[in-house]
Amino acid sequence: QLQASGGGLVQAGGSLSVSCAASGRFIGVYNMAWFRQSPGKEREFVAGISRTDTASAKGRFQISKDNAKNTVFLQMNSLKPEDTAVYYCAADPQWRGVVAQASAYKHWGQGTLVTVSS
């Protein structure tokens, strides 16, 4: 129901945008977030946006959404090799603000790999 895409290989210092398309009515109804996970590490919150469009994100990242297209975007700038990870989109159906805990999210996309070369 959540399909992430747009990952790839980018050089350090570059930018990349990934997107998450939803097949159901997620984007305007649920809180949406992006997490990332690299080998041997826990899944880490990157950015989130609420159903009321309140956004939060780590400094070099921006999250946005298009309710009409049922799509959430993550813009990543000034990428570093340590940003290399699988990036997942997720949806939280609860009526609350965006939370950073992965356990709060009920729906997950399959992930898209972002590799940043030095």
Protein backbone atom coordinates (compact mmCIF):
# COMPACT_ATOMS: atom_id res chain seq x y z
CA GLN A 1 0.00 0.00 0.00
CA LEU A 2 3.05 2.26 0.39
CA GLN A 3 5.55 2.20 -2.45
CA ALA A 4 8.87 4.00 -2.02
CA SER A 5 10.99 4.85 -5.03
CA GLY A 6 13.73 7.15 -6.23
CA GLY A 7 16.72 5.74 -4.40
CA GLY A 8 20.05 5.36 -6.09
CA LEU A 9 23.71 6.24 -6.08
CA VAL A 10 24.75 9.84 -5.47
CA GLN A 11 28.06 11.49 -4.74
CA ALA A 12 28.75 13.12 -1.41
CA GLY A 13 27.50 16.68 -1.41
CA GLY A 14 24.77 15.91 -3.88
CA SER A 15 21.00 15.86 -3.54
CA LEU A 16 18.36 13.24 -4.07
CA SER A 17 14.61 13.10 -3.74
CA VAL A 18 12.72 9.95 -2.92
CA SER A 19 8.99 9.51 -3.01
CA CYS A 20 6.35 7.31 -1.44
CA ALA A 21 3.12 6.63 -3.26
CA ALA A 22 0.12 5.32 -1.36
CA SER A 23 -2.56 3.16 -2.86
CA GLY A 24 -5.09 4.04 -0.19
CA ARG A 25 -6.15 7.24 1.54
CA PHE A 26 -3.03 7.58 3.67
CA ILE A 27 -1.46 10.86 2.84
CA GLY A 28 -4.13 13.29 3.90
CA VAL A 29 -5.46 11.11 6.71
CA TYR A 30 -2.46 9.65 8.50
CA ASN A 31 0.77 11.10 9.84
CA MET A 32 3.54 10.15 7.43
CA ALA A 33 7.23 9.70 8.08
CA TRP A 34 10.50 8.62 6.59
CA PHE A 35 12.87 6.35 8.45
CA ARG A 36 16.20 4.91 7.42
CA GLN A 37 18.16 1.87 8.37
CA SER A 38 21.73 0.91 7.60
CA PRO A 39 23.29 -2.49 8.32
CA GLY A 40 23.73 -3.17 12.00
CA LYS A 41 21.82 -0.11 13.09
CA GLU A 42 18.33 0.52 14.36
CA ARG A 43 15.71 2.13 12.20
CA GLU A 44 16.10 5.89 12.57
CA PHE A 45 13.53 8.67 12.18
CA VAL A 46 14.43 11.13 9.43
CA ALA A 47 11.38 13.28 8.85
CA GLY A 48 7.65 13.36 9.45
CA ILE A 49 4.61 15.33 8.40
CA SER A 50 1.27 15.35 10.10
CA ARG A 51 -2.19 15.13 8.56
CA THR A 52 -2.38 18.89 9.21
CA ASP A 53 0.89 19.51 7.36
CA THR A 54 3.11 20.13 10.37
CA ALA A 55 6.54 18.92 9.31
CA SER A 56 9.69 18.00 11.18
CA ALA A 57 12.96 16.82 9.71
CA LYS A 58 16.66 16.46 10.32
CA GLY A 59 18.61 19.51 9.18
CA ARG A 60 19.56 18.54 5.61
CA PHE A 61 16.27 16.86 4.83
CA GLN A 62 12.86 18.18 3.85
CA ILE A 63 9.57 16.35 3.79
CA SER A 64 6.56 17.36 1.78
CA LYS A 65 3.41 15.78 0.45
CA ASP A 66 0.88 16.04 -2.31
CA ASN A 67 -2.49 14.94 -1.01
CA ALA A 68 -4.06 14.92 -4.45
CA LYS A 69 -1.37 12.55 -5.72
CA ASN A 70 -1.28 10.53 -2.50
CA THR A 71 2.48 10.93 -2.42
CA VAL A 72 5.05 11.96 0.19
CA PHE A 73 8.47 13.23 -0.77
CA LEU A 74 11.81 13.38 1.01
CA GLN A 75 14.34 15.85 -0.33
CA MET A 76 17.87 15.10 0.82
CA ASN A 77 20.58 17.71 0.41
CA SER A 78 24.33 17.86 1.04
CA LEU A 79 24.39 14.10 1.31
CA LYS A 80 27.14 12.35 3.22
CA PRO A 81 28.37 8.75 3.04
CA GLU A 82 26.80 8.17 6.48
CA ASP A 83 23.40 8.89 4.94
CA THR A 84 23.70 5.60 3.07
CA ALA A 85 20.76 3.46 4.11
CA VAL A 86 17.49 1.95 3.06
CA TYR A 87 14.85 4.64 3.35
CA TYR A 88 11.35 3.61 4.38
CA CYS A 89 8.11 5.53 4.36
CA ALA A 90 5.58 4.81 7.07
CA ALA A 91 2.08 5.81 8.13
CA ASP A 92 0.73 6.35 11.64
CA PRO A 93 -3.07 6.21 11.87
CA GLN A 94 -3.31 7.57 15.42
CA TRP A 95 -4.67 11.04 16.15
CA ARG A 96 -1.50 12.63 17.54
CA GLY A 97 1.47 14.66 16.43
CA VAL A 98 4.32 13.15 14.49
CA VAL A 99 6.34 10.79 16.63
CA ALA A 100 9.84 9.49 16.04
CA GLN A 101 9.36 5.96 17.32
CA ALA A 102 9.18 3.37 14.59
CA SER A 103 6.86 1.22 16.71
CA ALA A 104 4.15 3.87 16.38
CA TYR A 105 3.83 3.35 12.64
CA LYS A 106 1.43 0.70 11.47
CA HIS A 107 2.03 0.75 7.72
CA TRP A 108 5.40 0.53 5.99
CA GLY A 109 6.67 0.69 2.48
CA GLN A 110 9.26 -1.73 1.16
CA GLY A 111 12.17 0.74 1.28
CA THR A 112 14.42 2.28 -1.30
CA LEU A 113 18.21 2.14 -1.12
CA VAL A 114 20.20 5.36 -1.10
CA THR A 115 23.95 5.03 -1.49
CA VAL A 116 26.21 8.03 -1.05
CA SER A 117 29.73 7.63 -2.38
CA SER A 118 32.68 9.57 -0.99
